[in-house]
Amino acid sequence: MKHDTFAGYPADSLELPQRALLTAWDCLVRYQEDLVLVGGLAIRHLTSPPRDGMPGPVTLDVDFGISIAASGGQYASIQDTLSGHGFRWDGKRFIRSFDGMNLFIDLLTDDDRQATGTVMVDNGLPVSLIPGINRALQCHRTLRIQGRNLIGAHQAHSIRVAEAGPLLVLKLNAFGGRKAPKDVHDVLYLAMNYLDGTEKALEAFQAEKSAGNPGMAPALQALAGHFQDADSLGPLSCAAFRMDNRHLDLDRREESLRIREQCVTLAQELLRN
């Protein structure tokens, strides 16, 4: 689930998904080698915190890339395991209502052949196919993440988090498909606030080209088609998201233009061979 502006996300829009992450990672111990964290929570843990008053990572979801070969064998399936922690399968994703807020766990996979559709993993669980997930499974870092789980217990886990290169590809692909403003915000925030620095984030994206990431072609198409100038869809979407749709107000013109030009400059760097 995505809101169209940063202001649309509740103040605890990172805390509760992280509690869901710690709950899920702990109970899915037999699947941990087949899982990698992607999406907004991955961006949170790969970046430095936002400056005061600046928009940072937000999400209502826990997004996992999962190996197409994942299976619990003779043990409880993912669906059975998560259902024991209050997450119900709605046919597309896992949902749990918590403190009046819906939390989501999404599973994404990649068969290195198809660009869309679903495939069965773990004894019959239909999972969406997203090109580039296998690269996220291959190119990740392990981070120590700690906090409370959904029942309030303190936990600390070493969690596999997709690296900047595969994440940038996935986020650009997402924007190229559904045109959600949050995806451009995520791309810009990850590149500008990456723990290892912006240059390393750019290098990681370029490395995905030589690695043959199957999501690279549509990611480059999104960059070339939607980031030509400050009035293109990508930059305008980012400014709209960060500025609560006031990006065209005359009294905020300089702020809007700064955000949009940052998007254009980043796109030019990412498109560079």
Protein backbone atom coordinates (compact mmCIF):
# COMPACT_ATOMS: atom_id res chain seq x y z
CA MET A 1 0.00 0.00 0.00
CA LYS A 2 1.30 3.46 -0.92
CA HIS A 3 0.08 6.96 -0.11
CA ASP A 4 0.53 9.71 -2.67
CA THR A 5 2.34 12.06 -0.24
CA PHE A 6 4.80 11.79 2.62
CA ALA A 7 2.27 13.51 4.90
CA GLY A 8 -0.18 10.68 4.23
CA TYR A 9 1.94 8.26 6.25
CA PRO A 10 1.37 8.03 10.01
CA ALA A 11 4.13 9.01 12.39
CA ASP A 12 4.82 5.36 13.28
CA SER A 13 4.87 4.18 9.67
CA LEU A 14 8.35 2.71 10.16
CA GLU A 15 8.04 1.44 13.73
CA LEU A 16 5.14 -0.95 13.20
CA PRO A 17 6.44 -2.47 9.92
CA GLN A 18 9.80 -3.00 11.62
CA ARG A 19 8.05 -4.82 14.46
CA ALA A 20 6.36 -6.97 11.80
CA LEU A 21 9.76 -7.57 10.18
CA LEU A 22 11.30 -8.79 13.44
CA THR A 23 8.28 -11.02 14.06
CA ALA A 24 8.39 -12.53 10.57
CA TRP A 25 12.16 -13.02 10.42
CA ASP A 26 12.18 -14.77 13.77
CA CYS A 27 9.41 -17.24 12.94
CA LEU A 28 10.60 -17.94 9.38
CA VAL A 29 13.98 -19.17 10.59
CA ARG A 30 14.00 -22.14 8.16
CA TYR A 31 13.55 -19.75 5.23
CA GLN A 32 16.10 -17.11 6.14
CA GLU A 33 18.67 -18.24 3.55
CA ASP A 34 15.96 -17.83 0.89
CA LEU A 35 14.81 -14.36 1.94
CA VAL A 36 16.15 -10.83 1.50
CA LEU A 37 14.60 -7.57 2.68
CA VAL A 38 13.69 -5.15 -0.11
CA GLY A 39 11.41 -2.09 -0.26
CA GLY A 40 11.08 0.81 2.16
CA LEU A 41 12.46 -0.96 5.23
CA ALA A 42 15.56 -1.96 3.29
CA ILE A 43 16.06 1.67 2.30
CA ARG A 44 15.70 2.72 5.93
CA HIS A 45 18.51 0.43 7.02
CA LEU A 46 20.82 1.25 4.10
CA THR A 47 20.68 5.01 4.64
CA SER A 48 21.50 7.64 7.21
CA PRO A 49 18.57 9.23 9.09
CA PRO A 50 16.94 12.29 7.55
CA ARG A 51 17.84 15.75 8.75
CA ASP A 52 15.30 17.41 11.04
CA GLY A 53 12.16 18.28 9.16
CA MET A 54 13.19 16.45 6.01
CA PRO A 55 11.20 13.50 4.60
CA GLY A 56 12.85 10.14 5.12
CA PRO A 57 11.93 6.54 4.33
CA VAL A 58 8.33 5.54 4.99
CA THR A 59 6.43 2.32 4.44
CA LEU A 60 3.48 0.27 5.62
CA ASP A 61 4.86 -2.96 4.18
CA VAL A 62 7.48 -5.59 4.81
CA ASP A 63 8.75 -6.63 1.39
CA PHE A 64 10.78 -9.82 1.02
CA GLY A 65 12.48 -11.16 -2.05
CA ILE A 66 12.24 -14.95 -1.90
CA SER A 67 14.04 -17.67 -3.80
CA ILE A 68 11.81 -19.55 -6.21
CA ALA A 69 13.17 -22.78 -4.68
CA ALA A 70 12.17 -21.86 -1.11
CA SER A 71 10.44 -24.67 0.74
CA GLY A 72 9.87 -25.63 4.34
CA GLY A 73 10.03 -29.29 3.45
CA GLN A 74 8.35 -31.36 6.14
CA TYR A 75 7.96 -28.34 8.41
CA ALA A 76 5.18 -25.73 8.52
CA SER A 77 4.80 -23.62 5.39
CA ILE A 78 5.24 -19.83 5.27
CA GLN A 79 1.47 -19.42 5.20
CA ASP A 80 0.92 -21.67 8.20
CA THR A 81 3.76 -20.06 10.13
CA LEU A 82 2.68 -16.46 9.55
CA SER A 83 -0.96 -17.29 10.25
CA GLY A 84 0.14 -18.34 13.73
CA HIS A 85 1.30 -14.75 14.24
CA GLY A 86 -1.92 -13.15 13.07
CA PHE A 87 -1.09 -12.64 9.39
CA ARG A 88 -3.80 -13.87 7.02
CA TRP A 89 -3.24 -14.58 3.35
CA ASP A 90 -5.67 -12.64 1.13
CA GLY A 91 -4.63 -14.33 -2.11
CA LYS A 92 -1.89 -11.81 -2.90
CA ARG A 93 -0.20 -10.82 0.36
CA PHE A 94 -0.23 -11.30 4.11
CA ILE A 95 -2.24 -8.80 6.20
CA ARG A 96 -2.53 -8.22 9.92
CA SER A 97 -4.51 -5.46 11.62
CA PHE A 98 -2.55 -4.01 14.54
CA ASP A 99 -3.50 -0.99 16.64
CA GLY A 100 -6.03 0.05 14.00
CA MET A 101 -3.46 -0.10 11.20
CA ASN A 102 -3.07 -2.73 8.50
CA LEU A 103 0.41 -4.23 8.22
CA PHE A 104 1.39 -6.06 5.04
CA ILE A 105 4.00 -8.68 4.18
CA ASP A 106 4.69 -9.05 0.47
CA LEU A 107 6.71 -11.84 -1.13
CA LEU A 108 8.38 -11.29 -4.52
CA THR A 109 10.38 -13.72 -6.62
CA ASP A 110 12.16 -14.00 -9.97
CA ASP A 111 12.55 -16.89 -12.40
CA ASP A 112 15.01 -15.01 -14.71
CA ARG A 113 12.60 -15.57 -17.61
CA GLN A 114 9.22 -13.90 -17.19
CA ALA A 115 8.71 -10.17 -16.58
CA THR A 116 5.25 -10.49 -15.05
CA GLY A 117 2.88 -13.04 -13.56
CA THR A 118 3.03 -15.32 -10.56
CA VAL A 119 4.79 -18.54 -9.68
CA MET A 120 4.22 -21.05 -6.91
CA VAL A 121 6.79 -21.31 -4.13
CA ASP A 122 6.81 -23.21 -0.86
CA ASN A 123 4.23 -25.85 -1.73
CA GLY A 124 1.67 -23.73 -3.56
CA LEU A 125 1.99 -20.11 -2.41
CA PRO A 126 1.45 -17.82 -5.44
CA VAL A 127 4.15 -15.12 -5.49
CA SER A 128 4.54 -12.20 -7.89
CA LEU A 129 7.39 -12.31 -10.40
CA ILE A 130 9.59 -9.22 -10.33
CA PRO A 131 12.74 -9.08 -12.52
CA GLY A 132 15.79 -8.30 -10.42
CA ILE A 133 14.78 -10.09 -7.23
CA ASN A 134 17.42 -12.76 -7.80
CA ARG A 135 20.07 -10.05 -7.93
CA ALA A 136 18.79 -8.76 -4.58
CA LEU A 137 19.14 -12.30 -3.20
CA GLN A 138 22.70 -12.49 -4.54
CA CYS A 139 23.82 -8.94 -3.71
CA HIS A 140 22.97 -8.07 -0.12
CA ARG A 141 24.52 -7.21 3.21
CA THR A 142 23.65 -8.61 6.62
CA LEU A 143 22.64 -5.99 9.16
CA ARG A 144 21.89 -6.33 12.86
CA ILE A 145 18.36 -5.01 13.36
CA GLN A 146 16.81 -4.81 16.79
CA GLY A 147 13.65 -3.59 18.48
CA ARG A 148 10.33 -4.88 19.74
CA ASN A 149 8.31 -7.46 17.86
CA LEU A 150 4.52 -7.35 17.58
CA ILE A 151 3.94 -8.83 21.03
CA GLY A 152 6.36 -6.38 22.63
CA ALA A 153 9.38 -8.64 23.14
CA HIS A 154 12.79 -7.15 22.39
CA GLN A 155 14.59 -8.99 19.60
CA ALA A 156 17.79 -8.59 17.61
CA HIS A 157 18.37 -10.41 14.34
CA SER A 158 20.98 -10.47 11.61
CA ILE A 159 18.83 -9.78 8.56
CA ARG A 160 19.78 -9.98 4.89
CA VAL A 161 19.12 -6.59 3.26
CA ALA A 162 19.32 -6.04 -0.50
CA GLU A 163 22.14 -3.77 -1.58
CA ALA A 164 21.78 -0.34 -3.21
CA GLY A 165 22.30 -1.50 -6.81
CA PRO A 166 19.50 -4.08 -6.94
CA LEU A 167 17.22 -1.83 -4.85
CA LEU A 168 17.61 1.10 -7.24
CA VAL A 169 16.73 -1.19 -10.14
CA LEU A 170 13.66 -2.53 -8.34
CA LYS A 171 12.44 0.93 -7.35
CA LEU A 172 12.89 2.38 -10.84
CA ASN A 173 11.04 -0.62 -12.27
CA ALA A 174 8.23 -0.04 -9.79
CA PHE A 175 7.92 3.61 -10.80
CA GLY A 176 8.03 2.76 -14.49
CA GLY A 177 5.07 0.44 -13.96
CA ARG A 178 2.68 2.02 -11.46
CA LYS A 179 4.00 5.61 -11.48
CA ALA A 180 3.64 5.91 -7.68
CA PRO A 181 5.33 9.13 -6.45
CA LYS A 182 6.77 7.36 -3.40
CA ASP A 183 8.98 5.20 -5.63
CA VAL A 184 10.83 8.25 -6.97
CA HIS A 185 11.22 9.60 -3.44
CA ASP A 186 12.73 6.23 -2.46
CA VAL A 187 15.17 6.29 -5.38
CA LEU A 188 16.37 9.81 -4.59
CA TYR A 189 16.60 9.20 -0.84
CA LEU A 190 18.54 5.95 -1.26
CA ALA A 191 21.04 7.49 -3.67
CA MET A 192 21.55 10.70 -1.68
CA ASN A 193 21.66 9.14 1.82
CA TYR A 194 23.28 5.75 1.20
CA LEU A 195 25.48 4.69 4.12
CA ASP A 196 28.52 4.29 1.88
CA GLY A 197 27.95 7.57 0.04
CA THR A 198 26.24 8.64 -3.17
CA GLU A 199 29.17 7.69 -5.39
CA LYS A 200 29.05 4.13 -4.10
CA ALA A 201 25.32 3.99 -4.76
CA LEU A 202 25.91 5.12 -8.35
CA GLU A 203 28.69 2.56 -8.75
CA ALA A 204 26.42 -0.17 -7.38
CA PHE A 205 23.77 0.68 -9.98
CA GLN A 206 26.32 0.58 -12.79
CA ALA A 207 27.50 -2.81 -11.51
CA GLU A 208 24.00 -4.18 -12.07
CA LYS A 209 24.40 -3.47 -15.77
CA SER A 210 27.50 -5.65 -16.06
CA ALA A 211 25.90 -8.28 -13.79
CA GLY A 212 23.08 -8.76 -16.29
CA ASN A 213 20.26 -7.77 -13.94
CA PRO A 214 17.08 -8.60 -15.93
CA GLY A 215 15.35 -5.61 -14.38
CA MET A 216 17.91 -3.18 -15.78
CA ALA A 217 16.31 -2.63 -19.20
CA PRO A 218 12.95 -1.39 -17.86
CA ALA A 219 14.76 0.60 -15.16
CA LEU A 220 16.75 2.44 -17.82
CA GLN A 221 13.58 2.97 -19.84
CA ALA A 222 11.96 4.58 -16.81
CA LEU A 223 14.95 6.89 -16.38
CA ALA A 224 15.09 7.85 -20.06
CA GLY A 225 11.35 8.27 -20.42
CA HIS A 226 10.37 10.06 -17.21
CA PHE A 227 13.39 12.12 -16.05
CA GLN A 228 14.36 14.21 -19.07
CA ASP A 229 13.94 17.57 -17.29
CA ALA A 230 12.52 19.20 -14.18
CA ASP A 231 9.00 19.16 -15.63
CA SER A 232 9.03 15.44 -16.40
CA LEU A 233 6.83 12.94 -14.56
CA GLY A 234 9.58 11.53 -12.34
CA PRO A 235 10.87 14.79 -10.84
CA LEU A 236 7.37 16.23 -10.49
CA SER A 237 6.21 13.05 -8.76
CA CYS A 238 9.05 13.26 -6.23
CA ALA A 239 8.37 16.92 -5.47
CA ALA A 240 4.64 16.26 -5.16
CA PHE A 241 5.25 13.41 -2.71
CA ARG A 242 7.65 15.36 -0.52
CA MET A 243 5.69 18.62 -0.59
CA ASP A 244 2.18 17.27 0.01
CA ASN A 245 1.11 18.15 -3.54
CA ARG A 246 2.09 21.80 -3.07
CA HIS A 247 4.99 21.54 -5.48
CA LEU A 248 3.38 23.97 -7.95
CA ASP A 249 2.63 26.68 -5.37
CA LEU A 250 4.38 29.93 -6.30
CA ASP A 251 5.63 30.52 -2.76
CA ARG A 252 7.41 27.14 -2.77
CA ARG A 253 8.81 27.28 -6.28
CA GLU A 254 12.47 27.22 -5.21
CA GLU A 255 12.03 24.18 -2.98
CA SER A 256 10.16 22.33 -5.70
CA LEU A 257 12.73 23.16 -8.35
CA ARG A 258 15.58 22.02 -6.10
CA ILE A 259 13.99 18.59 -5.58
CA ARG A 260 13.16 18.19 -9.27
CA GLU A 261 16.66 19.18 -10.40
CA GLN A 262 18.15 16.68 -7.96
CA CYS A 263 16.06 13.98 -9.64
CA VAL A 264 17.21 15.01 -13.12
CA THR A 265 20.88 15.10 -12.09
CA LEU A 266 20.60 11.67 -10.46
CA ALA A 267 18.91 10.22 -13.56
CA GLN A 268 21.68 11.56 -15.78
CA GLU A 269 24.28 9.91 -13.56
CA LEU A 270 22.43 6.61 -13.53
CA LEU A 271 22.05 6.63 -17.31
CA ARG A 272 25.76 7.25 -17.83
CA ASN A 273 27.55 4.26 -19.36
